[in-house]
Amino acid sequence: MQHSKEVIESYVKVAIDKFDPYVLLPGQDAPLNEYDGESRRIAEKLYVEISKEKIEEIIAEEFTRSFGSTFTKEDCSSPALEIYENLNK
């Protein structure tokens, strides 16, 4: 199924905000758009029929690049699964 860019971005934002690897949301002193840059960059790399494993890799690469900590594909499996399932419904 083909989804609009906006719909894909919303799927990614919801999954990444739930992922929240630094426990910044909600509240503390983090803005609600804390991970929006990462979410946009991840969404831009998604394509039709992408695998869950490739989504894990994209998320891991983006978070490693953005935060300097090493994220593995396994670390990113939960948001990747949510994104994958939403893209394939």
PDB file of N, CA and C in Angstrom:
ATOM      1  N   MET A   1       0.842  -1.182   0.000  1.00  0.00           N
ATOM      2  CA  MET A   1       0.000   0.000   0.000  1.00  0.00           C
ATOM      3  C   MET A   1       0.885   1.242   0.000  1.00  0.00           C
ATOM      4  N   GLN A   2       0.476   2.219  -0.750  1.00  0.00           N
ATOM      5  CA  GLN A   2       1.216   3.480  -0.845  1.00  0.00           C
ATOM      6  C   GLN A   2       0.665   4.462   0.187  1.00  0.00           C
ATOM      7  N   HIS A   3       1.526   5.061   0.986  1.00  0.00           N
ATOM      8  CA  HIS A   3       1.139   6.046   1.989  1.00  0.00           C
ATOM      9  C   HIS A   3       1.746   7.388   1.605  1.00  0.00           C
ATOM     10  N   SER A   4       1.067   8.460   1.974  1.00  0.00           N
ATOM     11  CA  SER A   4       1.612   9.794   1.708  1.00  0.00           C
ATOM     12  C   SER A   4       2.813  10.043   2.615  1.00  0.00           C
ATOM     13  N   LYS A   5       3.617  10.988   2.223  1.00  0.00           N
ATOM     14  CA  LYS A   5       4.800  11.370   3.007  1.00  0.00           C
ATOM     15  C   LYS A   5       4.390  11.772   4.423  1.00  0.00           C
ATOM     16  N   GLU A   6       3.296  12.510   4.546  1.00  0.00           N
ATOM     17  CA  GLU A   6       2.826  12.978   5.853  1.00  0.00           C
ATOM     18  C   GLU A   6       2.399  11.814   6.747  1.00  0.00           C
ATOM     19  N   VAL A   7       1.732  10.839   6.158  1.00  0.00           N
ATOM     20  CA  VAL A   7       1.282   9.676   6.928  1.00  0.00           C
ATOM     21  C   VAL A   7       2.489   8.870   7.406  1.00  0.00           C
ATOM     22  N   ILE A   8       3.450   8.667   6.524  1.00  0.00           N
ATOM     23  CA  ILE A   8       4.669   7.941   6.907  1.00  0.00           C
ATOM     24  C   ILE A   8       5.382   8.675   8.032  1.00  0.00           C
ATOM     25  N   GLU A   9       5.515   9.999   7.907  1.00  0.00           N
ATOM     26  CA  GLU A   9       6.165  10.781   8.966  1.00  0.00           C
ATOM     27  C   GLU A   9       5.418  10.649  10.290  1.00  0.00           C
ATOM     28  N   SER A  10       4.090  10.607  10.236  1.00  0.00           N
ATOM     29  CA  SER A  10       3.332  10.476  11.487  1.00  0.00           C
ATOM     30  C   SER A  10       3.539   9.094  12.109  1.00  0.00           C
ATOM     31  N   TYR A  11       3.586   8.035  11.290  1.00  0.00           N
ATOM     32  CA  TYR A  11       3.872   6.694  11.810  1.00  0.00           C
ATOM     33  C   TYR A  11       5.230   6.671  12.511  1.00  0.00           C
ATOM     34  N   VAL A  12       6.218   7.261  11.863  1.00  0.00           N
ATOM     35  CA  VAL A  12       7.574   7.260  12.410  1.00  0.00           C
ATOM     36  C   VAL A  12       7.628   8.074  13.698  1.00  0.00           C
ATOM     37  N   LYS A  13       7.032   9.261  13.698  1.00  0.00           N
ATOM     38  CA  LYS A  13       7.060  10.116  14.888  1.00  0.00           C
ATOM     39  C   LYS A  13       6.454   9.399  16.094  1.00  0.00           C
ATOM     40  N   VAL A  14       5.297   8.786  15.901  1.00  0.00           N
ATOM     41  CA  VAL A  14       4.639   8.088  17.013  1.00  0.00           C
ATOM     42  C   VAL A  14       5.534   6.967  17.545  1.00  0.00           C
ATOM     43  N   ALA A  15       6.095   6.168  16.651  1.00  0.00           N
ATOM     44  CA  ALA A  15       6.942   5.039  17.071  1.00  0.00           C
ATOM     45  C   ALA A  15       8.217   5.518  17.762  1.00  0.00           C
ATOM     46  N   ILE A  16       8.840   6.546  17.208  1.00  0.00           N
ATOM     47  CA  ILE A  16      10.094   7.047  17.793  1.00  0.00           C
ATOM     48  C   ILE A  16       9.833   7.736  19.128  1.00  0.00           C
ATOM     49  N   ASP A  17       8.740   8.500  19.233  1.00  0.00           N
ATOM     50  CA  ASP A  17       8.417   9.126  20.516  1.00  0.00           C
ATOM     51  C   ASP A  17       8.141   8.078  21.591  1.00  0.00           C
ATOM     52  N   LYS A  18       7.519   6.954  21.229  1.00  0.00           N
ATOM     53  CA  LYS A  18       7.314   5.854  22.194  1.00  0.00           C
ATOM     54  C   LYS A  18       8.648   5.209  22.558  1.00  0.00           C
ATOM     55  N   PHE A  19       9.527   5.067  21.575  1.00  0.00           N
ATOM     56  CA  PHE A  19      10.855   4.467  21.767  1.00  0.00           C
ATOM     57  C   PHE A  19      11.630   5.265  22.812  1.00  0.00           C
ATOM     58  N   ASP A  20      11.721   6.566  22.633  1.00  0.00           N
ATOM     59  CA  ASP A  20      12.307   7.514  23.599  1.00  0.00           C
ATOM     60  C   ASP A  20      13.495   6.920  24.365  1.00  0.00           C
ATOM     61  N   PRO A  21      14.588   6.592  23.678  1.00  0.00           N
ATOM     62  CA  PRO A  21      15.699   5.883  24.330  1.00  0.00           C
ATOM     63  C   PRO A  21      16.373   6.656  25.460  1.00  0.00           C
ATOM     64  N   TYR A  22      16.179   7.957  25.507  1.00  0.00           N
ATOM     65  CA  TYR A  22      16.792   8.751  26.579  1.00  0.00           C
ATOM     66  C   TYR A  22      15.772   9.192  27.621  1.00  0.00           C
ATOM     67  N   VAL A  23      14.569   8.628  27.557  1.00  0.00           N
ATOM     68  CA  VAL A  23      13.485   8.907  28.490  1.00  0.00           C
ATOM     69  C   VAL A  23      13.320  10.425  28.680  1.00  0.00           C
ATOM     70  N   LEU A  24      13.143  11.102  27.561  1.00  0.00           N
ATOM     71  CA  LEU A  24      12.980  12.552  27.579  1.00  0.00           C
ATOM     72  C   LEU A  24      11.519  12.983  27.468  1.00  0.00           C
ATOM     73  N   LEU A  25      10.664  12.080  27.034  1.00  0.00           N
ATOM     74  CA  LEU A  25       9.255  12.431  26.834  1.00  0.00           C
ATOM     75  C   LEU A  25       8.417  11.590  27.779  1.00  0.00           C
ATOM     76  N   PRO A  26       7.324  12.021  28.262  1.00  0.00           N
ATOM     77  CA  PRO A  26       6.889  13.402  28.278  1.00  0.00           C
ATOM     78  C   PRO A  26       7.547  14.173  29.405  1.00  0.00           C
ATOM     79  N   GLY A  27       7.577  15.437  29.237  1.00  0.00           N
ATOM     80  CA  GLY A  27       7.985  16.332  30.300  1.00  0.00           C
ATOM     81  C   GLY A  27       9.467  16.453  30.496  1.00  0.00           C
ATOM     82  N   GLN A  28       9.901  16.180  31.685  1.00  0.00           N
ATOM     83  CA  GLN A  28      11.238  16.538  32.142  1.00  0.00           C
ATOM     84  C   GLN A  28      11.471  17.948  31.627  1.00  0.00           C
ATOM     85  N   ASP A  29      12.468  18.211  30.876  1.00  0.00           N
ATOM     86  CA  ASP A  29      12.603  19.535  30.291  1.00  0.00           C
ATOM     87  C   ASP A  29      12.716  19.441  28.781  1.00  0.00           C
ATOM     88  N   ALA A  30      12.296  18.336  28.241  1.00  0.00           N
ATOM     89  CA  ALA A  30      12.410  18.104  26.802  1.00  0.00           C
ATOM     90  C   ALA A  30      11.167  18.614  26.083  1.00  0.00           C
ATOM     91  N   PRO A  31      11.364  19.240  24.942  1.00  0.00           N
ATOM     92  CA  PRO A  31      10.203  19.662  24.154  1.00  0.00           C
ATOM     93  C   PRO A  31       9.528  18.452  23.508  1.00  0.00           C
ATOM     94  N   LEU A  32       8.253  18.598  23.168  1.00  0.00           N
ATOM     95  CA  LEU A  32       7.509  17.494  22.557  1.00  0.00           C
ATOM     96  C   LEU A  32       8.055  17.103  21.196  1.00  0.00           C
ATOM     97  N   ASN A  33       8.852  17.965  20.591  1.00  0.00           N
ATOM     98  CA  ASN A  33       9.428  17.662  19.279  1.00  0.00           C
ATOM     99  C   ASN A  33      10.882  17.201  19.385  1.00  0.00           C
ATOM    100  N   GLU A  34      11.273  16.696  20.527  1.00  0.00           N
ATOM    101  CA  GLU A  34      12.659  16.304  20.802  1.00  0.00           C
ATOM    102  C   GLU A  34      13.260  15.419  19.714  1.00  0.00           C
ATOM    103  N   TYR A  35      12.502  14.447  19.222  1.00  0.00           N
ATOM    104  CA  TYR A  35      13.027  13.500  18.240  1.00  0.00           C
ATOM    105  C   TYR A  35      12.509  13.750  16.824  1.00  0.00           C
ATOM    106  N   ASP A  36      11.902  14.909  16.586  1.00  0.00           N
ATOM    107  CA  ASP A  36      11.306  15.165  15.270  1.00  0.00           C
ATOM    108  C   ASP A  36      12.333  15.176  14.137  1.00  0.00           C
ATOM    109  N   GLY A  37      13.517  15.681  14.381  1.00  0.00           N
ATOM    110  CA  GLY A  37      14.559  15.673  13.349  1.00  0.00           C
ATOM    111  C   GLY A  37      14.930  14.251  12.953  1.00  0.00           C
ATOM    112  N   GLU A  38      15.119  13.414  13.942  1.00  0.00           N
ATOM    113  CA  GLU A  38      15.446  12.010  13.669  1.00  0.00           C
ATOM    114  C   GLU A  38      14.280  11.329  12.948  1.00  0.00           C
ATOM    115  N   SER A  39      13.062  11.605  13.408  1.00  0.00           N
ATOM    116  CA  SER A  39      11.880  10.994  12.783  1.00  0.00           C
ATOM    117  C   SER A  39      11.774  11.379  11.315  1.00  0.00           C
ATOM    118  N   ARG A  40      11.987  12.654  10.999  1.00  0.00           N
ATOM    119  CA  ARG A  40      11.912  13.104   9.596  1.00  0.00           C
ATOM    120  C   ARG A  40      12.973  12.415   8.747  1.00  0.00           C
ATOM    121  N   ARG A  41      14.199  12.356   9.258  1.00  0.00           N
ATOM    122  CA  ARG A  41      15.280  11.738   8.487  1.00  0.00           C
ATOM    123  C   ARG A  41      15.040  10.239   8.292  1.00  0.00           C
ATOM    124  N   ILE A  42      14.480   9.580   9.287  1.00  0.00           N
ATOM    125  CA  ILE A  42      14.143   8.159   9.154  1.00  0.00           C
ATOM    126  C   ILE A  42      13.046   7.995   8.101  1.00  0.00           C
ATOM    127  N   ALA A  43      11.998   8.795   8.194  1.00  0.00           N
ATOM    128  CA  ALA A  43      10.870   8.698   7.259  1.00  0.00           C
ATOM    129  C   ALA A  43      11.327   8.900   5.818  1.00  0.00           C
ATOM    130  N   GLU A  44      12.274   9.797   5.610  1.00  0.00           N
ATOM    131  CA  GLU A  44      12.773  10.073   4.254  1.00  0.00           C
ATOM    132  C   GLU A  44      13.459   8.854   3.634  1.00  0.00           C
ATOM    133  N   LYS A  45      13.946   7.940   4.468  1.00  0.00           N
ATOM    134  CA  LYS A  45      14.692   6.785   3.967  1.00  0.00           C
ATOM    135  C   LYS A  45      13.814   5.554   3.756  1.00  0.00           C
ATOM    136  N   LEU A  46      12.534   5.651   4.085  1.00  0.00           N
ATOM    137  CA  LEU A  46      11.641   4.501   3.950  1.00  0.00           C
ATOM    138  C   LEU A  46      11.106   4.419   2.530  1.00  0.00           C
ATOM    139  N   TYR A  47      10.789   3.216   2.107  1.00  0.00           N
ATOM    140  CA  TYR A  47      10.280   3.002   0.756  1.00  0.00           C
ATOM    141  C   TYR A  47       9.317   1.812   0.765  1.00  0.00           C
ATOM    142  N   VAL A  48       8.581   1.669  -0.323  1.00  0.00           N
ATOM    143  CA  VAL A  48       7.606   0.592  -0.452  1.00  0.00           C
ATOM    144  C   VAL A  48       8.324  -0.754  -0.300  1.00  0.00           C
ATOM    145  N   GLU A  49       7.696  -1.644   0.443  1.00  0.00           N
ATOM    146  CA  GLU A  49       8.189  -3.008   0.651  1.00  0.00           C
ATOM    147  C   GLU A  49       9.524  -3.086   1.390  1.00  0.00           C
ATOM    148  N   ILE A  50       9.814  -2.104   2.222  1.00  0.00           N
ATOM    149  CA  ILE A  50      11.024  -2.142   3.047  1.00  0.00           C
ATOM    150  C   ILE A  50      10.843  -3.217   4.129  1.00  0.00           C
ATOM    151  N   SER A  51      11.925  -3.881   4.474  1.00  0.00           N
ATOM    152  CA  SER A  51      11.853  -4.936   5.497  1.00  0.00           C
ATOM    153  C   SER A  51      11.957  -4.318   6.893  1.00  0.00           C
ATOM    154  N   LYS A  52      11.470  -5.059   7.882  1.00  0.00           N
ATOM    155  CA  LYS A  52      11.603  -4.634   9.280  1.00  0.00           C
ATOM    156  C   LYS A  52      13.076  -4.508   9.641  1.00  0.00           C
ATOM    157  N   GLU A  53      13.902  -5.410   9.155  1.00  0.00           N
ATOM    158  CA  GLU A  53      15.330  -5.381   9.457  1.00  0.00           C
ATOM    159  C   GLU A  53      15.994  -4.117   8.900  1.00  0.00           C
ATOM    160  N   LYS A  54      15.588  -3.691   7.719  1.00  0.00           N
ATOM    161  CA  LYS A  54      16.146  -2.475   7.138  1.00  0.00           C
ATOM    162  C   LYS A  54      15.697  -1.252   7.941  1.00  0.00           C
ATOM    163  N   ILE A  55      14.456  -1.243   8.415  1.00  0.00           N
ATOM    164  CA  ILE A  55      13.977  -0.140   9.255  1.00  0.00           C
ATOM    165  C   ILE A  55      14.785  -0.093  10.550  1.00  0.00           C
ATOM    166  N   GLU A  56      15.064  -1.259  11.149  1.00  0.00           N
ATOM    167  CA  GLU A  56      15.904  -1.312  12.357  1.00  0.00           C
ATOM    168  C   GLU A  56      17.260  -0.672  12.078  1.00  0.00           C
ATOM    169  N   GLU A  57      17.839  -1.017  10.953  1.00  0.00           N
ATOM    170  CA  GLU A  57      19.153  -0.498  10.570  1.00  0.00           C
ATOM    171  C   GLU A  57      19.107   1.022  10.398  1.00  0.00           C
ATOM    172  N   ILE A  58      18.080   1.525   9.748  1.00  0.00           N
ATOM    173  CA  ILE A  58      17.942   2.969   9.524  1.00  0.00           C
ATOM    174  C   ILE A  58      17.811   3.711  10.850  1.00  0.00           C
ATOM    175  N   ILE A  59      16.977   3.194  11.744  1.00  0.00           N
ATOM    176  CA  ILE A  59      16.791   3.834  13.051  1.00  0.00           C
ATOM    177  C   ILE A  59      18.103   3.812  13.836  1.00  0.00           C
ATOM    178  N   ALA A  60      18.772   2.669  13.866  1.00  0.00           N
ATOM    179  CA  ALA A  60      20.044   2.546  14.593  1.00  0.00           C
ATOM    180  C   ALA A  60      21.077   3.522  14.051  1.00  0.00           C
ATOM    181  N   GLU A  61      21.193   3.615  12.738  1.00  0.00           N
ATOM    182  CA  GLU A  61      22.166   4.537  12.135  1.00  0.00           C
ATOM    183  C   GLU A  61      21.833   5.988  12.484  1.00  0.00           C
ATOM    184  N   GLU A  62      20.562   6.349  12.409  1.00  0.00           N
ATOM    185  CA  GLU A  62      20.163   7.729  12.677  1.00  0.00           C
ATOM    186  C   GLU A  62      20.408   8.108  14.134  1.00  0.00           C
ATOM    187  N   PHE A  63      20.031   7.241  15.066  1.00  0.00           N
ATOM    188  CA  PHE A  63      20.235   7.558  16.480  1.00  0.00           C
ATOM    189  C   PHE A  63      21.719   7.536  16.850  1.00  0.00           C
ATOM    190  N   THR A  64      22.486   6.648  16.266  1.00  0.00           N
ATOM    191  CA  THR A  64      23.930   6.627  16.510  1.00  0.00           C
ATOM    192  C   THR A  64      24.552   7.927  16.006  1.00  0.00           C
ATOM    193  N   ARG A  65      24.162   8.355  14.815  1.00  0.00           N
ATOM    194  CA  ARG A  65      24.690   9.590  14.233  1.00  0.00           C
ATOM    195  C   ARG A  65      24.272  10.818  15.057  1.00  0.00           C
ATOM    196  N   SER A  66      23.019  10.855  15.479  1.00  0.00           N
ATOM    197  CA  SER A  66      22.492  12.029  16.170  1.00  0.00           C
ATOM    198  C   SER A  66      23.002  12.176  17.597  1.00  0.00           C
ATOM    199  N   PHE A  67      23.173  11.066  18.299  1.00  0.00           N
ATOM    200  CA  PHE A  67      23.466  11.148  19.726  1.00  0.00           C
ATOM    201  C   PHE A  67      24.848  10.654  20.121  1.00  0.00           C
ATOM    202  N   GLY A  68      25.580  10.060  19.196  1.00  0.00           N
ATOM    203  CA  GLY A  68      26.939   9.644  19.495  1.00  0.00           C
ATOM    204  C   GLY A  68      27.051   8.347  20.279  1.00  0.00           C
ATOM    205  N   SER A  69      25.937   7.813  20.740  1.00  0.00           N
ATOM    206  CA  SER A  69      25.932   6.507  21.393  1.00  0.00           C
ATOM    207  C   SER A  69      25.700   5.459  20.319  1.00  0.00           C
ATOM    208  N   THR A  70      26.172   4.266  20.549  1.00  0.00           N
ATOM    209  CA  THR A  70      25.972   3.214  19.565  1.00  0.00           C
ATOM    210  C   THR A  70      24.636   2.527  19.802  1.00  0.00           C
ATOM    211  N   PHE A  71      23.798   2.551  18.776  1.00  0.00           N
ATOM    212  CA  PHE A  71      22.521   1.849  18.802  1.00  0.00           C
ATOM    213  C   PHE A  71      22.630   0.664  17.861  1.00  0.00           C
ATOM    214  N   THR A  72      22.172  -0.492  18.323  1.00  0.00           N
ATOM    215  CA  THR A  72      22.173  -1.685  17.477  1.00  0.00           C
ATOM    216  C   THR A  72      20.801  -1.858  16.837  1.00  0.00           C
ATOM    217  N   LYS A  73      20.741  -2.724  15.842  1.00  0.00           N
ATOM    218  CA  LYS A  73      19.453  -3.048  15.229  1.00  0.00           C
ATOM    219  C   LYS A  73      18.513  -3.631  16.280  1.00  0.00           C
ATOM    220  N   GLU A  74      19.045  -4.420  17.187  1.00  0.00           N
ATOM    221  CA  GLU A  74      18.219  -5.031  18.231  1.00  0.00           C
ATOM    222  C   GLU A  74      17.635  -3.961  19.152  1.00  0.00           C
ATOM    223  N   ASP A  75      18.408  -2.907  19.445  1.00  0.00           N
ATOM    224  CA  ASP A  75      17.902  -1.807  20.269  1.00  0.00           C
ATOM    225  C   ASP A  75      16.676  -1.162  19.631  1.00  0.00           C
ATOM    226  N   CYS A  76      16.637  -1.183  18.323  1.00  0.00           N
ATOM    227  CA  CYS A  76      15.626  -0.445  17.567  1.00  0.00           C
ATOM    228  C   CYS A  76      14.506  -1.331  17.038  1.00  0.00           C
ATOM    229  N   SER A  77      14.440  -2.553  17.514  1.00  0.00           N
ATOM    230  CA  SER A  77      13.470  -3.494  16.977  1.00  0.00           C
ATOM    231  C   SER A  77      12.023  -3.115  17.281  1.00  0.00           C
ATOM    232  N   SER A  78      11.738  -2.582  18.448  1.00  0.00           N
ATOM    233  CA  SER A  78      10.359  -2.243  18.804  1.00  0.00           C
ATOM    234  C   SER A  78       9.788  -1.126  17.919  1.00  0.00           C
ATOM    235  N   PRO A  79      10.462   0.028  17.781  1.00  0.00           N
ATOM    236  CA  PRO A  79       9.898   1.047  16.890  1.00  0.00           C
ATOM    237  C   PRO A  79       9.888   0.591  15.432  1.00  0.00           C
ATOM    238  N   ALA A  80      10.874  -0.198  15.036  1.00  0.00           N
ATOM    239  CA  ALA A  80      10.909  -0.686  13.653  1.00  0.00           C
ATOM    240  C   ALA A  80       9.709  -1.574  13.361  1.00  0.00           C
ATOM    241  N   LEU A  81       9.358  -2.440  14.294  1.00  0.00           N
ATOM    242  CA  LEU A  81       8.204  -3.308  14.109  1.00  0.00           C
ATOM    243  C   LEU A  81       6.924  -2.483  13.984  1.00  0.00           C
ATOM    244  N   GLU A  82       6.759  -1.491  14.852  1.00  0.00           N
ATOM    245  CA  GLU A  82       5.564  -0.639  14.790  1.00  0.00           C
ATOM    246  C   GLU A  82       5.476   0.083  13.444  1.00  0.00           C
ATOM    247  N   ILE A  83       6.577   0.642  12.990  1.00  0.00           N
ATOM    248  CA  ILE A  83       6.602   1.331  11.698  1.00  0.00           C
ATOM    249  C   ILE A  83       6.293   0.348  10.575  1.00  0.00           C
ATOM    250  N   TYR A  84       6.946  -0.797  10.591  1.00  0.00           N
ATOM    251  CA  TYR A  84       6.741  -1.822   9.567  1.00  0.00           C
ATOM    252  C   TYR A  84       5.266  -2.236   9.492  1.00  0.00           C
ATOM    253  N   GLU A  85       4.665  -2.502  10.643  1.00  0.00           N
ATOM    254  CA  GLU A  85       3.266  -2.921  10.668  1.00  0.00           C
ATOM    255  C   GLU A  85       2.341  -1.828  10.136  1.00  0.00           C
ATOM    256  N   ASN A  86       2.610  -0.581  10.488  1.00  0.00           N
ATOM    257  CA  ASN A  86       1.781   0.530   9.997  1.00  0.00           C
ATOM    258  C   ASN A  86       1.938   0.699   8.489  1.00  0.00           C
ATOM    259  N   LEU A  87       3.140   0.538   7.987  1.00  0.00           N
ATOM    260  CA  LEU A  87       3.346   0.684   6.546  1.00  0.00           C
ATOM    261  C   LEU A  87       2.679  -0.423   5.747  1.00  0.00           C
ATOM    262  N   ASN A  88       2.451  -1.564   6.390  1.00  0.00           N
ATOM    263  CA  ASN A  88       1.902  -2.718   5.698  1.00  0.00           C
ATOM    264  C   ASN A  88       0.445  -3.021   6.024  1.00  0.00           C
ATOM    265  N   LYS A  89      -0.252  -2.057   6.603  1.00  0.00           N
ATOM    266  CA  LYS A  89      -1.674  -2.333   6.861  1.00  0.00           C
ATOM    267  C   LYS A  89      -2.545  -1.819   5.750  1.00  0.00           C
TER     268      LYS A  89
END
